[in-house]
């Protein structure tokens, strides 16, 4: 029988780590938009992974944690490779989708990812849901559908928006696969070691596509945005991996579904500052209702206890 990773049960720590990840990912689309004013998605993604690989590698090497990789079997390396390829796909598909829509739109549509991760956690790790949590998942799904329908109908250039939405949907699918692989790897390896291996593989895979010479032509604002994206990679995925160590994948995913709130608020501020780079958000009442359903469903899924209908954490 195959062993499956079990969360430590420290729900409060898991919740705080999940909230940290949510806030970091909520602000990320704005910085990605700014960084893409001077870089293509391939180079931007390569730089984020390279920065994370170097910084994390120095830290892990100083601690001696990388020695644990020597005794890993081929099957575990295959799972590491799968996780890396899926995360690379998530980064690239999301950036190409983000080019075709606004940050808040992209961030709400990508919430299909934690929804898929939740379903995968139930299926693969035998995580159990009560009726309130199933209701929360259903509300999240209905909300995503309402928001997508409203935005597709109102978007200027519907074909462009649809293409962007499909790319972001694909990013959501591969991210969920990455998340499940990451959680299983935690059974044998520290989360930081897993992430470092993924970053190194990503740097190698993406190196032929990166236009490194373009980095020298970036403006100060684009450089600051790029550095924030790179630091965000380290901080957000570190917090995410640790959250999976202490909390169920299904509950972590529910908290991550709240990130569109942070993105929307940041988008409003960024549009006032740079209206030519960050487009104004246009959301009708149906889209707002869909967004509220996503948030409400995420909260219900996260806070409902397994054993009964109490909403205490």
Protein backbone atom coordinates (compact mmCIF):
# COMPACT_ATOMS: atom_id res chain seq x y z
CA UNK A 1 0.00 0.00 0.00
CA UNK A 2 1.39 3.45 -1.01
CA UNK A 3 2.06 5.80 1.92
CA UNK A 4 0.34 9.18 1.72
CA UNK A 5 1.42 12.40 3.36
CA UNK A 6 -0.55 13.38 6.45
CA UNK A 7 -0.72 16.97 7.72
CA UNK A 8 0.84 17.66 11.13
CA UNK A 9 -2.51 18.90 12.46
CA UNK A 10 -1.24 22.36 13.49
CA UNK A 11 -4.21 24.12 11.94
CA UNK A 12 -3.44 27.60 13.24
CA UNK A 13 0.06 27.60 11.79
CA UNK A 14 -1.29 26.15 8.56
CA UNK A 15 -3.90 28.92 8.41
CA UNK A 16 -1.31 31.69 8.95
CA UNK A 17 0.97 30.26 6.28
CA UNK A 18 -1.93 29.92 3.85
CA UNK A 19 -2.97 33.54 4.50
CA UNK A 20 0.60 34.70 3.86
CA UNK A 21 0.62 32.84 0.54
CA UNK A 22 -2.76 34.32 -0.37
CA UNK A 23 -1.60 37.90 0.23
CA UNK A 24 1.63 37.39 -1.71
CA UNK A 25 -0.15 35.82 -4.67
CA UNK A 26 -2.83 38.49 -4.50
CA UNK A 27 -0.29 41.24 -5.16
CA UNK A 28 1.74 39.26 -7.72
CA UNK A 29 -0.34 39.89 -10.91
CA UNK A 30 0.21 43.65 -10.65
CA UNK A 31 3.98 43.22 -10.47
CA UNK A 32 3.93 40.72 -13.32
CA UNK A 33 2.09 43.21 -15.53
CA UNK A 34 4.69 45.87 -14.74
CA UNK A 35 7.62 43.50 -15.32
CA UNK A 36 6.18 42.43 -18.69
CA UNK A 37 6.45 46.00 -19.99
CA UNK A 38 10.10 45.16 -20.68
CA UNK A 39 10.34 41.35 -20.63
CA UNK A 40 8.72 38.41 -22.40
CA UNK A 41 7.05 35.67 -20.29
CA UNK A 42 9.87 33.16 -20.87
CA UNK A 43 12.64 35.46 -19.63
CA UNK A 44 10.54 36.70 -16.73
CA UNK A 45 9.81 33.16 -15.60
CA UNK A 46 13.45 32.08 -15.98
CA UNK A 47 14.66 35.01 -13.87
CA UNK A 48 12.19 34.26 -11.08
CA UNK A 49 13.29 30.64 -10.90
CA UNK A 50 17.00 31.51 -11.18
CA UNK A 51 16.80 34.04 -8.36
CA UNK A 52 14.95 31.59 -6.14
CA UNK A 53 17.34 28.72 -6.96
CA UNK A 54 20.44 30.75 -6.07
CA UNK A 55 19.12 32.27 -2.83
CA UNK A 56 17.48 29.09 -1.57
CA UNK A 57 20.44 26.96 -2.66
CA UNK A 58 22.89 29.06 -0.61
CA UNK A 59 20.66 28.78 2.45
CA UNK A 60 20.11 25.03 2.12
CA UNK A 61 23.79 24.39 1.40
CA UNK A 62 24.83 26.26 4.54
CA UNK A 63 22.43 24.11 6.58
CA UNK A 64 23.52 20.85 4.95
CA UNK A 65 19.96 20.03 3.89
CA UNK A 66 20.90 19.17 0.29
CA UNK A 67 22.60 15.96 1.45
CA UNK A 68 19.20 14.33 1.78
CA UNK A 69 18.88 14.24 -2.01
CA UNK A 70 21.64 11.63 -2.41
CA UNK A 71 19.57 8.71 -1.16
CA UNK A 72 16.39 9.38 -3.14
CA UNK A 73 15.10 6.59 -5.45
CA UNK A 74 14.37 7.07 -9.15
CA UNK A 75 10.61 7.13 -8.56
CA UNK A 76 10.96 10.15 -6.27
CA UNK A 77 13.11 11.97 -8.81
CA UNK A 78 10.42 11.27 -11.40
CA UNK A 79 7.84 12.87 -9.10
CA UNK A 80 10.15 15.87 -8.60
CA UNK A 81 10.47 16.22 -12.37
CA UNK A 82 6.69 16.06 -12.76
CA UNK A 83 6.23 18.76 -10.12
CA UNK A 84 8.81 20.97 -11.82
CA UNK A 85 7.29 20.64 -15.29
CA UNK A 86 3.82 21.37 -13.96
CA UNK A 87 5.00 24.47 -12.08
CA UNK A 88 6.87 25.75 -15.13
CA UNK A 89 3.70 25.29 -17.15
CA UNK A 90 1.70 27.18 -14.55
CA UNK A 91 4.04 30.16 -14.62
CA UNK A 92 4.21 30.39 -18.41
CA UNK A 93 0.53 29.74 -19.18
CA UNK A 94 -0.52 32.26 -16.54
CA UNK A 95 1.74 34.98 -17.93
CA UNK A 96 0.52 34.51 -21.49
CA UNK A 97 -3.07 34.58 -20.20
CA UNK A 98 -2.37 37.68 -18.12
CA UNK A 99 -1.28 39.50 -21.26
CA UNK A 100 -4.83 39.17 -22.59
CA UNK A 101 -6.82 40.22 -19.54
CA UNK A 102 -6.61 42.35 -16.39
CA UNK A 103 -4.88 41.26 -13.15
CA UNK A 104 -8.13 40.94 -11.17
CA UNK A 105 -9.75 38.89 -13.93
CA UNK A 106 -6.76 36.59 -14.17
CA UNK A 107 -6.53 36.17 -10.41
CA UNK A 108 -10.19 35.22 -10.04
CA UNK A 109 -10.11 32.79 -12.95
CA UNK A 110 -6.98 31.09 -11.59
CA UNK A 111 -9.04 30.16 -8.53
CA UNK A 112 -10.00 27.08 -10.50
CA UNK A 113 -6.53 25.89 -9.37
CA UNK A 114 -7.23 25.63 -5.63
CA UNK A 115 -10.64 24.17 -6.47
CA UNK A 116 -8.93 21.41 -8.46
CA UNK A 117 -6.34 20.99 -5.71
CA UNK A 118 -9.14 20.55 -3.17
CA UNK A 119 -10.80 17.84 -5.27
CA UNK A 120 -7.42 16.18 -5.80
CA UNK A 121 -6.73 16.24 -2.06
CA UNK A 122 -10.04 14.51 -1.41
CA UNK A 123 -9.38 11.87 -4.05
CA UNK A 124 -5.66 11.24 -3.58
CA UNK A 125 -5.05 11.94 0.12
CA UNK A 126 -8.45 10.77 1.38
CA UNK A 127 -9.22 14.18 2.88
CA UNK A 128 -12.84 14.21 4.04
CA UNK A 129 -15.45 16.93 3.56
CA UNK A 130 -18.69 17.44 5.42
CA UNK A 131 -21.83 18.84 3.77
CA UNK A 132 -20.88 22.45 4.57
CA UNK A 133 -17.52 22.10 2.87
CA UNK A 134 -19.13 20.51 -0.19
CA UNK A 135 -21.54 23.45 -0.24
CA UNK A 136 -18.57 25.82 -0.11
CA UNK A 137 -16.93 24.09 -3.07
CA UNK A 138 -20.18 24.26 -5.02
CA UNK A 139 -20.55 28.00 -4.30
CA UNK A 140 -16.98 28.58 -5.45
CA UNK A 141 -17.61 26.74 -8.71
CA UNK A 142 -20.89 28.58 -9.39
CA UNK A 143 -19.21 31.90 -8.59
CA UNK A 144 -16.37 31.22 -11.02
CA UNK A 145 -18.85 30.34 -13.76
CA UNK A 146 -20.91 33.50 -13.19
CA UNK A 147 -17.84 35.72 -13.17
CA UNK A 148 -16.43 34.15 -16.33
CA UNK A 149 -19.75 34.43 -18.18
CA UNK A 150 -20.18 38.10 -17.25
CA UNK A 151 -16.62 39.06 -18.11
CA UNK A 152 -16.68 37.19 -21.42
CA UNK A 153 -19.87 39.01 -22.42
CA UNK A 154 -18.57 42.46 -21.47
CA UNK A 155 -14.94 42.14 -22.48
CA UNK A 156 -13.72 44.29 -25.33
CA UNK A 157 -12.39 41.78 -27.81
CA UNK A 158 -14.17 38.66 -26.61
CA UNK A 159 -11.92 36.29 -28.57
CA UNK A 160 -8.84 37.73 -26.89
CA UNK A 161 -10.41 37.42 -23.45
CA UNK A 162 -11.50 33.84 -24.16
CA UNK A 163 -7.98 32.90 -25.26
CA UNK A 164 -6.56 34.44 -22.10
CA UNK A 165 -9.13 32.65 -19.95
CA UNK A 166 -8.33 29.30 -21.56
CA UNK A 167 -4.61 29.80 -20.95
CA UNK A 168 -5.26 30.65 -17.32
CA UNK A 169 -7.52 27.60 -17.05
CA UNK A 170 -4.69 25.45 -18.35
CA UNK A 171 -2.38 27.10 -15.81
CA UNK A 172 -4.86 26.11 -13.10
CA UNK A 173 -4.88 22.45 -14.15
CA UNK A 174 -1.11 22.05 -14.18
CA UNK A 175 -0.77 23.95 -10.89
CA UNK A 176 -3.16 21.55 -9.15
CA UNK A 177 -1.07 18.62 -10.37
CA UNK A 178 2.06 20.36 -9.05
CA UNK A 179 0.40 20.96 -5.67
CA UNK A 180 -0.56 17.32 -5.26
CA UNK A 181 2.93 16.16 -6.25
CA UNK A 182 4.46 18.65 -3.80
CA UNK A 183 2.30 17.36 -0.96
CA UNK A 184 3.25 13.73 -1.62
CA UNK A 185 6.94 14.63 -1.76
CA UNK A 186 6.68 16.14 1.73
CA UNK A 187 6.40 12.56 3.01
CA UNK A 188 10.13 12.12 2.36
CA UNK A 189 11.72 15.55 1.82
CA UNK A 190 11.64 18.99 3.39
CA UNK A 191 9.49 21.47 1.51
CA UNK A 192 12.46 23.81 0.96
CA UNK A 193 14.52 21.00 -0.60
CA UNK A 194 11.66 20.03 -2.90
CA UNK A 195 11.25 23.62 -4.05
CA UNK A 196 14.98 24.06 -4.66
CA UNK A 197 15.09 21.01 -6.92
CA UNK A 198 12.05 22.29 -8.81
CA UNK A 199 13.67 25.71 -9.24
CA UNK A 200 16.92 24.22 -10.55
CA UNK A 201 15.10 22.00 -13.04
CA UNK A 202 13.08 25.02 -14.19
CA UNK A 203 16.22 27.13 -14.72
CA UNK A 204 17.75 24.41 -16.89
CA UNK A 205 14.59 23.79 -18.90
CA UNK A 206 13.88 27.47 -19.53
CA UNK A 207 17.46 28.61 -20.21
CA UNK A 208 17.23 28.19 -24.03
CA UNK A 209 14.13 30.42 -24.16
CA UNK A 210 15.41 33.25 -21.91
CA UNK A 211 16.57 36.52 -23.50
CA UNK A 212 18.94 37.48 -20.70
CA UNK A 213 20.30 40.49 -22.61
CA UNK A 214 16.89 42.16 -22.27
CA UNK A 215 17.44 42.53 -18.52
CA UNK A 216 19.91 45.35 -19.13
CA UNK A 217 17.30 47.46 -20.93
CA UNK A 218 14.70 47.42 -18.15
CA UNK A 219 13.51 50.64 -16.57
CA UNK A 220 13.86 51.18 -12.82
CA UNK A 221 10.13 50.52 -12.30
CA UNK A 222 10.33 47.28 -14.31
CA UNK A 223 13.40 46.16 -12.35
CA UNK A 224 11.70 46.81 -9.03
CA UNK A 225 8.66 44.87 -10.22
CA UNK A 226 10.89 42.02 -11.43
CA UNK A 227 12.72 41.80 -8.12
CA UNK A 228 9.44 41.74 -6.23
CA UNK A 229 8.23 38.91 -8.48
CA UNK A 230 11.43 36.99 -7.77
CA UNK A 231 11.25 37.50 -4.01
CA UNK A 232 7.55 36.63 -4.15
CA UNK A 233 8.46 33.28 -5.70
CA UNK A 234 10.62 32.39 -2.70
CA UNK A 235 8.30 33.69 -0.01
CA UNK A 236 4.95 32.58 -1.43
CA UNK A 237 5.92 29.05 -2.42
CA UNK A 238 7.88 28.58 0.78
CA UNK A 239 4.81 29.52 2.80
CA UNK A 240 2.58 27.38 0.56
CA UNK A 241 4.76 24.30 0.93
CA UNK A 242 4.90 24.70 4.71
CA UNK A 243 1.13 25.22 4.85
CA UNK A 244 0.69 21.83 3.15
CA UNK A 245 2.95 20.34 5.82
CA UNK A 246 0.62 21.43 8.62
CA UNK A 247 -2.85 21.62 7.05
CA UNK A 248 -5.02 19.65 4.61
CA UNK A 249 -4.51 20.51 0.93
CA UNK A 250 -8.26 21.07 0.61
CA UNK A 251 -8.27 23.71 3.38
CA UNK A 252 -5.12 25.45 2.17
CA UNK A 253 -6.68 25.70 -1.28
CA UNK A 254 -9.79 27.32 0.17
CA UNK A 255 -7.77 30.14 1.74
CA UNK A 256 -5.91 30.72 -1.53
CA UNK A 257 -9.24 31.35 -3.22
CA UNK A 258 -9.40 34.69 -1.38
CA UNK A 259 -6.43 36.20 -3.24
CA UNK A 260 -8.61 37.98 -5.87
CA UNK A 261 -9.70 40.42 -3.15
CA UNK A 262 -6.12 41.62 -2.66
CA UNK A 263 -5.56 41.69 -6.42
CA UNK A 264 -8.70 43.75 -7.08
CA UNK A 265 -7.81 46.34 -4.43
CA UNK A 266 -4.23 46.58 -5.72
CA UNK A 267 -5.50 46.91 -9.29
CA UNK A 268 -7.62 49.91 -8.34
CA UNK A 269 -4.59 51.66 -6.85
CA UNK A 270 -2.24 50.64 -9.67
CA UNK A 271 -4.63 51.91 -12.36
CA UNK A 272 -4.64 55.35 -10.74
CA UNK A 273 -0.84 55.33 -10.72
CA UNK A 274 -0.21 53.81 -14.18
CA UNK A 275 -3.45 53.78 -16.22
CA UNK A 276 -1.65 52.89 -19.46
CA UNK A 277 -0.13 49.71 -17.99
CA UNK A 278 -2.88 48.48 -15.65
CA UNK A 279 -6.30 48.58 -17.27
CA UNK A 280 -9.35 49.64 -15.28
CA UNK A 281 -11.43 46.78 -13.91
CA UNK A 282 -14.95 46.54 -15.31
CA UNK A 283 -17.18 44.20 -13.35
CA UNK A 284 -20.99 44.28 -13.57
CA UNK A 285 -23.28 43.14 -10.77
CA UNK A 286 -23.36 39.53 -12.02
CA UNK A 287 -19.58 39.42 -11.94
CA UNK A 288 -19.54 40.96 -8.46
CA UNK A 289 -22.06 38.35 -7.31
CA UNK A 290 -19.87 35.63 -8.79
CA UNK A 291 -16.81 37.00 -7.01
CA UNK A 292 -18.65 37.12 -3.70
CA UNK A 293 -19.76 33.52 -4.17
CA UNK A 294 -16.15 32.51 -4.75
CA UNK A 295 -15.05 34.27 -1.57
CA UNK A 296 -17.98 32.98 0.48
CA UNK A 297 -17.50 29.45 -0.78
CA UNK A 298 -13.79 29.58 0.03
CA UNK A 299 -14.46 30.76 3.57
CA UNK A 300 -17.11 28.10 4.14
CA UNK A 301 -14.86 25.35 2.82
CA UNK A 302 -11.94 26.50 4.96
CA UNK A 303 -13.70 27.13 8.26
CA UNK A 304 -16.17 24.24 8.39
CA UNK A 305 -14.81 21.49 10.63
CA UNK A 306 -14.64 17.90 9.45
CA UNK A 307 -16.68 16.45 12.25
CA UNK A 308 -19.59 18.86 12.47
CA UNK A 309 -21.03 22.10 11.19
CA UNK A 310 -19.11 24.43 13.53
CA UNK A 311 -17.25 27.25 11.78
CA UNK A 312 -14.38 27.48 14.25
CA UNK A 313 -10.77 27.03 13.20
